[in-house]
Amino acid sequence: KTHLCFILLAAGVWAAPHTSSAAELLTLLERIYDSVTADMQNL
């Protein structure tokens, strides 16, 4: 059981940076969305 716990913990640590990266990207993207000006709407 100890080995299984370490494996699951390692998998969670590996996945965490990817999840936070995606969450951070989505947060920044929301700011970009809010800042799109009327001038850019012609693009």
PDB file of all heavy atoms in Angstrom:
ATOM      1  N   LYS A   1       0.828  -1.208   0.000  1.00  0.00           N
ATOM      2  CA  LYS A   1       0.000   0.000   0.000  1.00  0.00           C
ATOM      3  C   LYS A   1       0.862   1.257   0.000  1.00  0.00           C
ATOM      4  O   LYS A   1       0.521   2.253  -0.616  1.00  0.00           O
ATOM      5  CB  LYS A   1      -0.934   0.011   1.213  1.00  0.00           C
ATOM      6  CG  LYS A   1      -2.075  -0.950   1.113  1.00  0.00           C
ATOM      7  CD  LYS A   1      -2.982  -0.810   2.309  1.00  0.00           C
ATOM      8  CE  LYS A   1      -4.136  -1.786   2.216  1.00  0.00           C
ATOM      9  NZ  LYS A   1      -5.024  -1.681   3.369  1.00  0.00           N
ATOM     10  N   THR A   2       1.993   1.197   0.698  1.00  0.00           N
ATOM     11  CA  THR A   2       2.895   2.348   0.757  1.00  0.00           C
ATOM     12  C   THR A   2       3.435   2.669  -0.629  1.00  0.00           C
ATOM     13  O   THR A   2       3.482   3.836  -1.029  1.00  0.00           O
ATOM     14  CB  THR A   2       4.059   2.068   1.721  1.00  0.00           C
ATOM     15  OG1 THR A   2       3.534   1.694   2.984  1.00  0.00           O
ATOM     16  CG2 THR A   2       4.941   3.285   1.866  1.00  0.00           C
ATOM     17  N   HIS A   3       3.830   1.628  -1.360  1.00  0.00           N
ATOM     18  CA  HIS A   3       4.341   1.840  -2.713  1.00  0.00           C
ATOM     19  C   HIS A   3       3.272   2.449  -3.615  1.00  0.00           C
ATOM     20  O   HIS A   3       3.552   3.347  -4.401  1.00  0.00           O
ATOM     21  CB  HIS A   3       4.839   0.517  -3.330  1.00  0.00           C
ATOM     22  CG  HIS A   3       6.047  -0.025  -2.649  1.00  0.00           C
ATOM     23  ND1 HIS A   3       7.242   0.641  -2.635  1.00  0.00           N
ATOM     24  CD2 HIS A   3       6.232  -1.161  -1.950  1.00  0.00           C
ATOM     25  CE1 HIS A   3       8.127  -0.069  -1.957  1.00  0.00           C
ATOM     26  NE2 HIS A   3       7.531  -1.176  -1.518  1.00  0.00           N
ATOM     27  N   LEU A   4       2.055   1.961  -3.494  1.00  0.00           N
ATOM     28  CA  LEU A   4       0.953   2.490  -4.292  1.00  0.00           C
ATOM     29  C   LEU A   4       0.708   3.959  -3.957  1.00  0.00           C
ATOM     30  O   LEU A   4       0.493   4.777  -4.852  1.00  0.00           O
ATOM     31  CB  LEU A   4      -0.316   1.659  -4.065  1.00  0.00           C
ATOM     32  CG  LEU A   4      -1.543   2.075  -4.856  1.00  0.00           C
ATOM     33  CD1 LEU A   4      -1.255   1.999  -6.354  1.00  0.00           C
ATOM     34  CD2 LEU A   4      -2.721   1.188  -4.505  1.00  0.00           C
ATOM     35  N   CYS A   5       0.772   4.310  -2.679  1.00  0.00           N
ATOM     36  CA  CYS A   5       0.582   5.709  -2.267  1.00  0.00           C
ATOM     37  C   CYS A   5       1.657   6.602  -2.868  1.00  0.00           C
ATOM     38  O   CYS A   5       1.375   7.703  -3.327  1.00  0.00           O
ATOM     39  CB  CYS A   5       0.591   5.819  -0.748  1.00  0.00           C
ATOM     40  SG  CYS A   5      -0.893   5.179   0.029  1.00  0.00           S
ATOM     41  N   PHE A   6       2.912   6.144  -2.852  1.00  0.00           N
ATOM     42  CA  PHE A   6       3.998   6.934  -3.438  1.00  0.00           C
ATOM     43  C   PHE A   6       3.813   7.105  -4.944  1.00  0.00           C
ATOM     44  O   PHE A   6       4.080   8.173  -5.486  1.00  0.00           O
ATOM     45  CB  PHE A   6       5.359   6.297  -3.151  1.00  0.00           C
ATOM     46  CG  PHE A   6       5.836   6.533  -1.749  1.00  0.00           C
ATOM     47  CD1 PHE A   6       6.255   5.482  -0.966  1.00  0.00           C
ATOM     48  CD2 PHE A   6       5.864   7.814  -1.214  1.00  0.00           C
ATOM     49  CE1 PHE A   6       6.694   5.700   0.329  1.00  0.00           C
ATOM     50  CE2 PHE A   6       6.299   8.042   0.083  1.00  0.00           C
ATOM     51  CZ  PHE A   6       6.715   6.977   0.866  1.00  0.00           C
ATOM     52  N   ILE A   7       3.358   6.067  -5.602  1.00  0.00           N
ATOM     53  CA  ILE A   7       3.136   6.148  -7.049  1.00  0.00           C
ATOM     54  C   ILE A   7       2.025   7.163  -7.345  1.00  0.00           C
ATOM     55  O   ILE A   7       2.164   8.008  -8.233  1.00  0.00           O
ATOM     56  CB  ILE A   7       2.796   4.766  -7.637  1.00  0.00           C
ATOM     57  CG1 ILE A   7       4.051   3.878  -7.597  1.00  0.00           C
ATOM     58  CG2 ILE A   7       2.268   4.888  -9.060  1.00  0.00           C
ATOM     59  CD1 ILE A   7       3.796   2.424  -7.936  1.00  0.00           C
ATOM     60  N   LEU A   8       0.938   7.096  -6.593  1.00  0.00           N
ATOM     61  CA  LEU A   8      -0.168   8.045  -6.801  1.00  0.00           C
ATOM     62  C   LEU A   8       0.267   9.472  -6.466  1.00  0.00           C
ATOM     63  O   LEU A   8      -0.104  10.414  -7.163  1.00  0.00           O
ATOM     64  CB  LEU A   8      -1.377   7.639  -5.957  1.00  0.00           C
ATOM     65  CG  LEU A   8      -2.069   6.352  -6.390  1.00  0.00           C
ATOM     66  CD1 LEU A   8      -3.158   5.971  -5.386  1.00  0.00           C
ATOM     67  CD2 LEU A   8      -2.647   6.490  -7.775  1.00  0.00           C
ATOM     68  N   LEU A   9       1.056   9.622  -5.411  1.00  0.00           N
ATOM     69  CA  LEU A   9       1.548  10.942  -5.045  1.00  0.00           C
ATOM     70  C   LEU A   9       2.442  11.501  -6.153  1.00  0.00           C
ATOM     71  O   LEU A   9       2.315  12.660  -6.545  1.00  0.00           O
ATOM     72  CB  LEU A   9       2.320  10.876  -3.730  1.00  0.00           C
ATOM     73  CG  LEU A   9       2.897  12.187  -3.214  1.00  0.00           C
ATOM     74  CD1 LEU A   9       1.779  13.178  -2.922  1.00  0.00           C
ATOM     75  CD2 LEU A   9       3.726  11.940  -1.972  1.00  0.00           C
ATOM     76  N   ALA A  10       3.325  10.673  -6.681  1.00  0.00           N
ATOM     77  CA  ALA A  10       4.205  11.106  -7.768  1.00  0.00           C
ATOM     78  C   ALA A  10       3.400  11.494  -9.003  1.00  0.00           C
ATOM     79  O   ALA A  10       3.690  12.489  -9.663  1.00  0.00           O
ATOM     80  CB  ALA A  10       5.205  10.010  -8.113  1.00  0.00           C
ATOM     81  N   ALA A  11       2.373  10.729  -9.312  1.00  0.00           N
ATOM     82  CA  ALA A  11       1.531  11.048 -10.472  1.00  0.00           C
ATOM     83  C   ALA A  11       0.814  12.376 -10.264  1.00  0.00           C
ATOM     84  O   ALA A  11       0.699  13.187 -11.181  1.00  0.00           O
ATOM     85  CB  ALA A  11       0.518   9.933 -10.717  1.00  0.00           C
ATOM     86  N   GLY A  12       0.359  12.625  -9.054  1.00  0.00           N
ATOM     87  CA  GLY A  12      -0.316  13.887  -8.750  1.00  0.00           C
ATOM     88  C   GLY A  12       0.622  15.078  -8.844  1.00  0.00           C
ATOM     89  O   GLY A  12       0.271  16.128  -9.366  1.00  0.00           O
ATOM     90  N   VAL A  13       1.842  14.916  -8.374  1.00  0.00           N
ATOM     91  CA  VAL A  13       2.835  15.987  -8.457  1.00  0.00           C
ATOM     92  C   VAL A  13       3.180  16.265  -9.909  1.00  0.00           C
ATOM     93  O   VAL A  13       3.337  17.401 -10.317  1.00  0.00           O
ATOM     94  CB  VAL A  13       4.106  15.604  -7.643  1.00  0.00           C
ATOM     95  CG1 VAL A  13       5.251  16.556  -7.944  1.00  0.00           C
ATOM     96  CG2 VAL A  13       3.785  15.594  -6.158  1.00  0.00           C
ATOM     97  N   TRP A  14       3.282  15.218 -10.719  1.00  0.00           N
ATOM     98  CA  TRP A  14       3.586  15.407 -12.138  1.00  0.00           C
ATOM     99  C   TRP A  14       2.455  16.140 -12.849  1.00  0.00           C
ATOM    100  O   TRP A  14       2.678  17.010 -13.668  1.00  0.00           O
ATOM    101  CB  TRP A  14       3.823  14.048 -12.804  1.00  0.00           C
ATOM    102  CG  TRP A  14       4.108  14.197 -14.256  1.00  0.00           C
ATOM    103  CD1 TRP A  14       5.294  14.512 -14.843  1.00  0.00           C
ATOM    104  CD2 TRP A  14       3.166  14.074 -15.331  1.00  0.00           C
ATOM    105  NE1 TRP A  14       5.155  14.597 -16.206  1.00  0.00           N
ATOM    106  CE2 TRP A  14       3.867  14.327 -16.528  1.00  0.00           C
ATOM    107  CE3 TRP A  14       1.808  13.783 -15.399  1.00  0.00           C
ATOM    108  CZ2 TRP A  14       3.237  14.287 -17.768  1.00  0.00           C
ATOM    109  CZ3 TRP A  14       1.203  13.746 -16.633  1.00  0.00           C
ATOM    110  CH2 TRP A  14       1.918  13.991 -17.789  1.00  0.00           C
ATOM    111  N   ALA A  15       1.214  15.819 -12.509  1.00  0.00           N
ATOM    112  CA  ALA A  15       0.062  16.421 -13.194  1.00  0.00           C
ATOM    113  C   ALA A  15      -0.186  17.858 -12.740  1.00  0.00           C
ATOM    114  O   ALA A  15      -0.715  18.663 -13.493  1.00  0.00           O
ATOM    115  CB  ALA A  15      -1.188  15.583 -12.955  1.00  0.00           C
ATOM    116  N   ALA A  16       0.200  18.192 -11.522  1.00  0.00           N
ATOM    117  CA  ALA A  16      -0.100  19.514 -10.964  1.00  0.00           C
ATOM    118  C   ALA A  16       0.441  20.675 -11.806  1.00  0.00           C
ATOM    119  O   ALA A  16      -0.284  21.632 -12.049  1.00  0.00           O
ATOM    120  CB  ALA A  16       0.403  19.602  -9.534  1.00  0.00           C
ATOM    121  N   PRO A  17       1.705  20.643 -12.270  1.00  0.00           N
ATOM    122  CA  PRO A  17       2.169  21.785 -13.074  1.00  0.00           C
ATOM    123  C   PRO A  17       1.378  21.968 -14.359  1.00  0.00           C
ATOM    124  O   PRO A  17       1.135  23.088 -14.783  1.00  0.00           O
ATOM    125  CB  PRO A  17       3.629  21.426 -13.396  1.00  0.00           C
ATOM    126  CG  PRO A  17       4.025  20.434 -12.373  1.00  0.00           C
ATOM    127  CD  PRO A  17       2.772  19.708 -11.990  1.00  0.00           C
ATOM    128  N   HIS A  18       0.956  20.873 -14.983  1.00  0.00           N
ATOM    129  CA  HIS A  18       0.180  20.990 -16.216  1.00  0.00           C
ATOM    130  C   HIS A  18      -1.179  21.611 -15.936  1.00  0.00           C
ATOM    131  O   HIS A  18      -1.653  22.436 -16.694  1.00  0.00           O
ATOM    132  CB  HIS A  18       0.001  19.614 -16.869  1.00  0.00           C
ATOM    133  CG  HIS A  18       1.290  19.001 -17.297  1.00  0.00           C
ATOM    134  ND1 HIS A  18       2.089  19.561 -18.269  1.00  0.00           N
ATOM    135  CD2 HIS A  18       1.937  17.893 -16.882  1.00  0.00           C
ATOM    136  CE1 HIS A  18       3.158  18.818 -18.436  1.00  0.00           C
ATOM    137  NE2 HIS A  18       3.100  17.803 -17.605  1.00  0.00           N
ATOM    138  N   THR A  19      -1.795  21.205 -14.836  1.00  0.00           N
ATOM    139  CA  THR A  19      -3.098  21.739 -14.481  1.00  0.00           C
ATOM    140  C   THR A  19      -2.991  23.222 -14.158  1.00  0.00           C
ATOM    141  O   THR A  19      -3.789  24.021 -14.621  1.00  0.00           O
ATOM    142  CB  THR A  19      -3.666  20.971 -13.270  1.00  0.00           C
ATOM    143  OG1 THR A  19      -3.696  19.585 -13.591  1.00  0.00           O
ATOM    144  CG2 THR A  19      -5.059  21.425 -12.936  1.00  0.00           C
ATOM    145  N   SER A  20      -1.980  23.588 -13.355  1.00  0.00           N
ATOM    146  CA  SER A  20      -1.841  24.997 -12.994  1.00  0.00           C
ATOM    147  C   SER A  20      -1.474  25.829 -14.220  1.00  0.00           C
ATOM    148  O   SER A  20      -1.895  26.971 -14.336  1.00  0.00           O
ATOM    149  CB  SER A  20      -0.812  25.181 -11.886  1.00  0.00           C
ATOM    150  OG  SER A  20       0.476  24.838 -12.336  1.00  0.00           O
ATOM    151  N   SER A  21      -0.684  25.265 -15.125  1.00  0.00           N
ATOM    152  CA  SER A  21      -0.330  25.987 -16.349  1.00  0.00           C
ATOM    153  C   SER A  21      -1.582  26.279 -17.166  1.00  0.00           C
ATOM    154  O   SER A  21      -1.742  27.382 -17.674  1.00  0.00           O
ATOM    155  CB  SER A  21       0.652  25.181 -17.196  1.00  0.00           C
ATOM    156  OG  SER A  21       1.872  25.063 -16.530  1.00  0.00           O
ATOM    157  N   ALA A  22      -2.448  25.287 -17.314  1.00  0.00           N
ATOM    158  CA  ALA A  22      -3.682  25.486 -18.067  1.00  0.00           C
ATOM    159  C   ALA A  22      -4.571  26.502 -17.365  1.00  0.00           C
ATOM    160  O   ALA A  22      -5.140  27.382 -18.013  1.00  0.00           O
ATOM    161  CB  ALA A  22      -4.410  24.160 -18.252  1.00  0.00           C
ATOM    162  N   ALA A  23      -4.674  26.409 -16.043  1.00  0.00           N
ATOM    163  CA  ALA A  23      -5.507  27.354 -15.298  1.00  0.00           C
ATOM    164  C   ALA A  23      -4.954  28.772 -15.424  1.00  0.00           C
ATOM    165  O   ALA A  23      -5.708  29.729 -15.600  1.00  0.00           O
ATOM    166  CB  ALA A  23      -5.573  26.940 -13.824  1.00  0.00           C
ATOM    167  N   GLU A  24      -3.640  28.893 -15.367  1.00  0.00           N
ATOM    168  CA  GLU A  24      -3.013  30.200 -15.507  1.00  0.00           C
ATOM    169  C   GLU A  24      -3.240  30.765 -16.909  1.00  0.00           C
ATOM    170  O   GLU A  24      -3.552  31.947 -17.074  1.00  0.00           O
ATOM    171  CB  GLU A  24      -1.517  30.064 -15.231  1.00  0.00           C
ATOM    172  CG  GLU A  24      -0.809  31.356 -15.015  1.00  0.00           C
ATOM    173  CD  GLU A  24       0.637  31.148 -14.589  1.00  0.00           C
ATOM    174  OE1 GLU A  24       1.084  30.015 -14.419  1.00  0.00           O
ATOM    175  OE2 GLU A  24       1.315  32.181 -14.456  1.00  0.00           O
ATOM    176  N   LEU A  25      -3.112  29.910 -17.923  1.00  0.00           N
ATOM    177  CA  LEU A  25      -3.371  30.341 -19.296  1.00  0.00           C
ATOM    178  C   LEU A  25      -4.802  30.822 -19.453  1.00  0.00           C
ATOM    179  O   LEU A  25      -5.055  31.844 -20.082  1.00  0.00           O
ATOM    180  CB  LEU A  25      -3.119  29.185 -20.272  1.00  0.00           C
ATOM    181  CG  LEU A  25      -1.685  28.953 -20.694  1.00  0.00           C
ATOM    182  CD1 LEU A  25      -1.594  27.687 -21.541  1.00  0.00           C
ATOM    183  CD2 LEU A  25      -1.135  30.124 -21.462  1.00  0.00           C
ATOM    184  N   LEU A  26      -5.744  30.084 -18.885  1.00  0.00           N
ATOM    185  CA  LEU A  26      -7.155  30.462 -19.003  1.00  0.00           C
ATOM    186  C   LEU A  26      -7.438  31.789 -18.304  1.00  0.00           C
ATOM    187  O   LEU A  26      -8.217  32.604 -18.802  1.00  0.00           O
ATOM    188  CB  LEU A  26      -8.048  29.349 -18.455  1.00  0.00           C
ATOM    189  CG  LEU A  26      -8.066  28.083 -19.301  1.00  0.00           C
ATOM    190  CD1 LEU A  26      -8.752  26.945 -18.558  1.00  0.00           C
ATOM    191  CD2 LEU A  26      -8.722  28.324 -20.643  1.00  0.00           C
ATOM    192  N   THR A  27      -6.783  32.019 -17.177  1.00  0.00           N
ATOM    193  CA  THR A  27      -6.956  33.289 -16.464  1.00  0.00           C
ATOM    194  C   THR A  27      -6.423  34.451 -17.305  1.00  0.00           C
ATOM    195  O   THR A  27      -7.091  35.484 -17.453  1.00  0.00           O
ATOM    196  CB  THR A  27      -6.223  33.248 -15.109  1.00  0.00           C
ATOM    197  OG1 THR A  27      -6.767  32.178 -14.335  1.00  0.00           O
ATOM    198  CG2 THR A  27      -6.362  34.555 -14.352  1.00  0.00           C
ATOM    199  N   LEU A  28      -5.221  34.267 -17.861  1.00  0.00           N
ATOM    200  CA  LEU A  28      -4.652  35.313 -18.709  1.00  0.00           C
ATOM    201  C   LEU A  28      -5.501  35.526 -19.959  1.00  0.00           C
ATOM    202  O   LEU A  28      -5.690  36.662 -20.403  1.00  0.00           O
ATOM    203  CB  LEU A  28      -3.215  34.949 -19.095  1.00  0.00           C
ATOM    204  CG  LEU A  28      -2.190  34.997 -17.966  1.00  0.00           C
ATOM    205  CD1 LEU A  28      -0.884  34.346 -18.396  1.00  0.00           C
ATOM    206  CD2 LEU A  28      -1.963  36.435 -17.519  1.00  0.00           C
ATOM    207  N   LEU A  29      -6.011  34.448 -20.509  1.00  0.00           N
ATOM    208  CA  LEU A  29      -6.837  34.537 -21.712  1.00  0.00           C
ATOM    209  C   LEU A  29      -8.136  35.289 -21.429  1.00  0.00           C
ATOM    210  O   LEU A  29      -8.623  36.033 -22.281  1.00  0.00           O
ATOM    211  CB  LEU A  29      -7.125  33.129 -22.239  1.00  0.00           C
ATOM    212  CG  LEU A  29      -7.514  32.986 -23.684  1.00  0.00           C
ATOM    213  CD1 LEU A  29      -6.544  33.694 -24.605  1.00  0.00           C
ATOM    214  CD2 LEU A  29      -7.582  31.514 -24.055  1.00  0.00           C
ATOM    215  N   GLU A  30      -8.660  35.130 -20.235  1.00  0.00           N
ATOM    216  CA  GLU A  30      -9.867  35.879 -19.856  1.00  0.00           C
ATOM    217  C   GLU A  30      -9.570  37.386 -19.835  1.00  0.00           C
ATOM    218  O   GLU A  30     -10.387  38.187 -20.269  1.00  0.00           O
ATOM    219  CB  GLU A  30     -10.363  35.405 -18.489  1.00  0.00           C
ATOM    220  CG  GLU A  30     -11.739  35.905 -18.140  1.00  0.00           C
ATOM    221  CD  GLU A  30     -12.812  35.428 -19.109  1.00  0.00           C
ATOM    222  OE1 GLU A  30     -12.777  34.280 -19.559  1.00  0.00           O
ATOM    223  OE2 GLU A  30     -13.706  36.245 -19.418  1.00  0.00           O
ATOM    224  N   ARG A  31      -8.385  37.748 -19.371  1.00  0.00           N
ATOM    225  CA  ARG A  31      -7.991  39.167 -19.364  1.00  0.00           C
ATOM    226  C   ARG A  31      -7.856  39.692 -20.795  1.00  0.00           C
ATOM    227  O   ARG A  31      -8.230  40.830 -21.084  1.00  0.00           O
ATOM    228  CB  ARG A  31      -6.681  39.350 -18.611  1.00  0.00           C
ATOM    229  CG  ARG A  31      -6.827  39.154 -17.137  1.00  0.00           C
ATOM    230  CD  ARG A  31      -5.550  39.467 -16.412  1.00  0.00           C
ATOM    231  NE  ARG A  31      -5.666  39.026 -15.034  1.00  0.00           N
ATOM    232  CZ  ARG A  31      -4.675  38.514 -14.338  1.00  0.00           C
ATOM    233  NH1 ARG A  31      -3.481  38.402 -14.872  1.00  0.00           N
ATOM    234  NH2 ARG A  31      -4.849  38.135 -13.101  1.00  0.00           N
ATOM    235  N   ILE A  32      -7.295  38.868 -21.667  1.00  0.00           N
ATOM    236  CA  ILE A  32      -7.175  39.274 -23.072  1.00  0.00           C
ATOM    237  C   ILE A  32      -8.563  39.477 -23.657  1.00  0.00           C
ATOM    238  O   ILE A  32      -8.828  40.474 -24.324  1.00  0.00           O
ATOM    239  CB  ILE A  32      -6.382  38.219 -23.883  1.00  0.00           C
ATOM    240  CG1 ILE A  32      -4.924  38.198 -23.436  1.00  0.00           C
ATOM    241  CG2 ILE A  32      -6.482  38.503 -25.374  1.00  0.00           C
ATOM    242  CD1 ILE A  32      -4.105  37.069 -24.041  1.00  0.00           C
ATOM    243  N   TYR A  33      -9.460  38.541 -23.393  1.00  0.00           N
ATOM    244  CA  TYR A  33     -10.836  38.620 -23.890  1.00  0.00           C
ATOM    245  C   TYR A  33     -11.478  39.941 -23.455  1.00  0.00           C
ATOM    246  O   TYR A  33     -12.104  40.631 -24.252  1.00  0.00           O
ATOM    247  CB  TYR A  33     -11.635  37.424 -23.364  1.00  0.00           C
ATOM    248  CG  TYR A  33     -13.062  37.381 -23.841  1.00  0.00           C
ATOM    249  CD1 TYR A  33     -13.391  36.730 -25.025  1.00  0.00           C
ATOM    250  CD2 TYR A  33     -14.084  37.971 -23.109  1.00  0.00           C
ATOM    251  CE1 TYR A  33     -14.700  36.672 -25.466  1.00  0.00           C
ATOM    252  CE2 TYR A  33     -15.396  37.920 -23.554  1.00  0.00           C
ATOM    253  CZ  TYR A  33     -15.697  37.276 -24.728  1.00  0.00           C
ATOM    254  OH  TYR A  33     -16.990  37.224 -25.172  1.00  0.00           O
ATOM    255  N   ASP A  34     -11.304  40.292 -22.186  1.00  0.00           N
ATOM    256  CA  ASP A  34     -11.906  41.518 -21.654  1.00  0.00           C
ATOM    257  C   ASP A  34     -11.290  42.778 -22.248  1.00  0.00           C
ATOM    258  O   ASP A  34     -11.925  43.824 -22.254  1.00  0.00           O
ATOM    259  CB  ASP A  34     -11.771  41.556 -20.128  1.00  0.00           C
ATOM    260  CG  ASP A  34     -12.626  40.492 -19.448  1.00  0.00           C
ATOM    261  OD1 ASP A  34     -13.586  39.988 -20.084  1.00  0.00           O
ATOM    262  OD2 ASP A  34     -12.314  40.144 -18.292  1.00  0.00           O
ATOM    263  N   SER A  35     -10.055  42.676 -22.736  1.00  0.00           N
ATOM    264  CA  SER A  35      -9.381  43.872 -23.239  1.00  0.00           C
ATOM    265  C   SER A  35      -9.510  44.072 -24.746  1.00  0.00           C
ATOM    266  O   SER A  35      -9.009  45.065 -25.266  1.00  0.00           O
ATOM    267  CB  SER A  35      -7.898  43.826 -22.870  1.00  0.00           C
ATOM    268  OG  SER A  35      -7.229  42.927 -23.708  1.00  0.00           O
ATOM    269  N   VAL A  36     -10.155  43.134 -25.431  1.00  0.00           N
ATOM    270  CA  VAL A  36     -10.303  43.280 -26.888  1.00  0.00           C
ATOM    271  C   VAL A  36     -11.110  44.546 -27.166  1.00  0.00           C
ATOM    272  O   VAL A  36     -12.223  44.712 -26.678  1.00  0.00           O
ATOM    273  CB  VAL A  36     -10.973  42.038 -27.514  1.00  0.00           C
ATOM    274  CG1 VAL A  36     -11.335  42.282 -28.967  1.00  0.00           C
ATOM    275  CG2 VAL A  36     -10.052  40.842 -27.405  1.00  0.00           C
ATOM    276  N   THR A  37     -10.511  45.432 -27.929  1.00  0.00           N
ATOM    277  CA  THR A  37     -11.129  46.730 -28.194  1.00  0.00           C
ATOM    278  C   THR A  37     -12.013  46.669 -29.440  1.00  0.00           C
ATOM    279  O   THR A  37     -11.951  45.725 -30.223  1.00  0.00           O
ATOM    280  CB  THR A  37     -10.047  47.801 -28.414  1.00  0.00           C
ATOM    281  OG1 THR A  37      -9.274  47.426 -29.561  1.00  0.00           O
ATOM    282  CG2 THR A  37      -9.149  47.944 -27.208  1.00  0.00           C
ATOM    283  N   ALA A  38     -12.779  47.714 -29.614  1.00  0.00           N
ATOM    284  CA  ALA A  38     -13.645  47.796 -30.793  1.00  0.00           C
ATOM    285  C   ALA A  38     -12.811  47.810 -32.074  1.00  0.00           C
ATOM    286  O   ALA A  38     -13.226  47.261 -33.093  1.00  0.00           O
ATOM    287  CB  ALA A  38     -14.513  49.044 -30.709  1.00  0.00           C
ATOM    288  N   ASP A  39     -11.629  48.421 -32.019  1.00  0.00           N
ATOM    289  CA  ASP A  39     -10.750  48.452 -33.193  1.00  0.00           C
ATOM    290  C   ASP A  39     -10.372  47.046 -33.641  1.00  0.00           C
ATOM    291  O   ASP A  39     -10.264  46.776 -34.825  1.00  0.00           O
ATOM    292  CB  ASP A  39      -9.461  49.231 -32.894  1.00  0.00           C
ATOM    293  CG  ASP A  39      -9.726  50.700 -32.663  1.00  0.00           C
ATOM    294  OD1 ASP A  39     -10.801  51.180 -33.082  1.00  0.00           O
ATOM    295  OD2 ASP A  39      -8.861  51.362 -32.056  1.00  0.00           O
ATOM    296  N   MET A  40     -10.156  46.164 -32.678  1.00  0.00           N
ATOM    297  CA  MET A  40      -9.756  44.791 -33.017  1.00  0.00           C
ATOM    298  C   MET A  40     -10.925  43.974 -33.564  1.00  0.00           C
ATOM    299  O   MET A  40     -10.698  42.924 -34.152  1.00  0.00           O
ATOM    300  CB  MET A  40      -9.161  44.092 -31.799  1.00  0.00           C
ATOM    301  CG  MET A  40      -7.742  44.532 -31.507  1.00  0.00           C
ATOM    302  SD  MET A  40      -7.014  43.595 -30.170  1.00  0.00           S
ATOM    303  CE  MET A  40      -6.974  41.959 -30.842  1.00  0.00           C
ATOM    304  N   GLN A  41     -12.135  44.408 -33.349  1.00  0.00           N
ATOM    305  CA  GLN A  41     -13.285  43.640 -33.809  1.00  0.00           C
ATOM    306  C   GLN A  41     -13.368  43.588 -35.331  1.00  0.00           C
ATOM    307  O   GLN A  41     -14.089  42.767 -35.892  1.00  0.00           O
ATOM    308  CB  GLN A  41     -14.587  44.181 -33.215  1.00  0.00           C
ATOM    309  CG  GLN A  41     -14.736  43.860 -31.740  1.00  0.00           C
ATOM    310  CD  GLN A  41     -14.681  42.369 -31.453  1.00  0.00           C
ATOM    311  OE1 GLN A  41     -15.234  41.540 -32.173  1.00  0.00           O
ATOM    312  NE2 GLN A  41     -13.999  42.009 -30.392  1.00  0.00           N
ATOM    313  N   ASN A  42     -12.620  44.448 -36.018  1.00  0.00           N
ATOM    314  CA  ASN A  42     -12.575  44.393 -37.477  1.00  0.00           C
ATOM    315  C   ASN A  42     -11.668  43.272 -37.964  1.00  0.00           C
ATOM    316  O   ASN A  42     -11.765  42.842 -39.105  1.00  0.00           O
ATOM    317  CB  ASN A  42     -12.091  45.731 -38.048  1.00  0.00           C
ATOM    318  CG  ASN A  42     -13.100  46.828 -37.780  1.00  0.00           C
ATOM    319  OD1 ASN A  42     -14.299  46.585 -37.734  1.00  0.00           O
ATOM    320  ND2 ASN A  42     -12.603  48.038 -37.573  1.00  0.00           N
ATOM    321  N   LEU A  43     -10.781  42.804 -37.089  1.00  0.00           N
ATOM    322  CA  LEU A  43      -9.879  41.704 -37.415  1.00  0.00           C
ATOM    323  C   LEU A  43     -10.671  40.402 -37.512  1.00  0.00           C
ATOM    324  O   LEU A  43     -11.592  40.169 -36.725  1.00  0.00           O
ATOM    325  CB  LEU A  43      -8.814  41.587 -36.314  1.00  0.00           C
ATOM    326  CG  LEU A  43      -7.846  40.427 -36.391  1.00  0.00           C
ATOM    327  CD1 LEU A  43      -6.912  40.609 -37.586  1.00  0.00           C
ATOM    328  CD2 LEU A  43      -7.032  40.348 -35.106  1.00  0.00           C
TER     329      LEU A  43
END
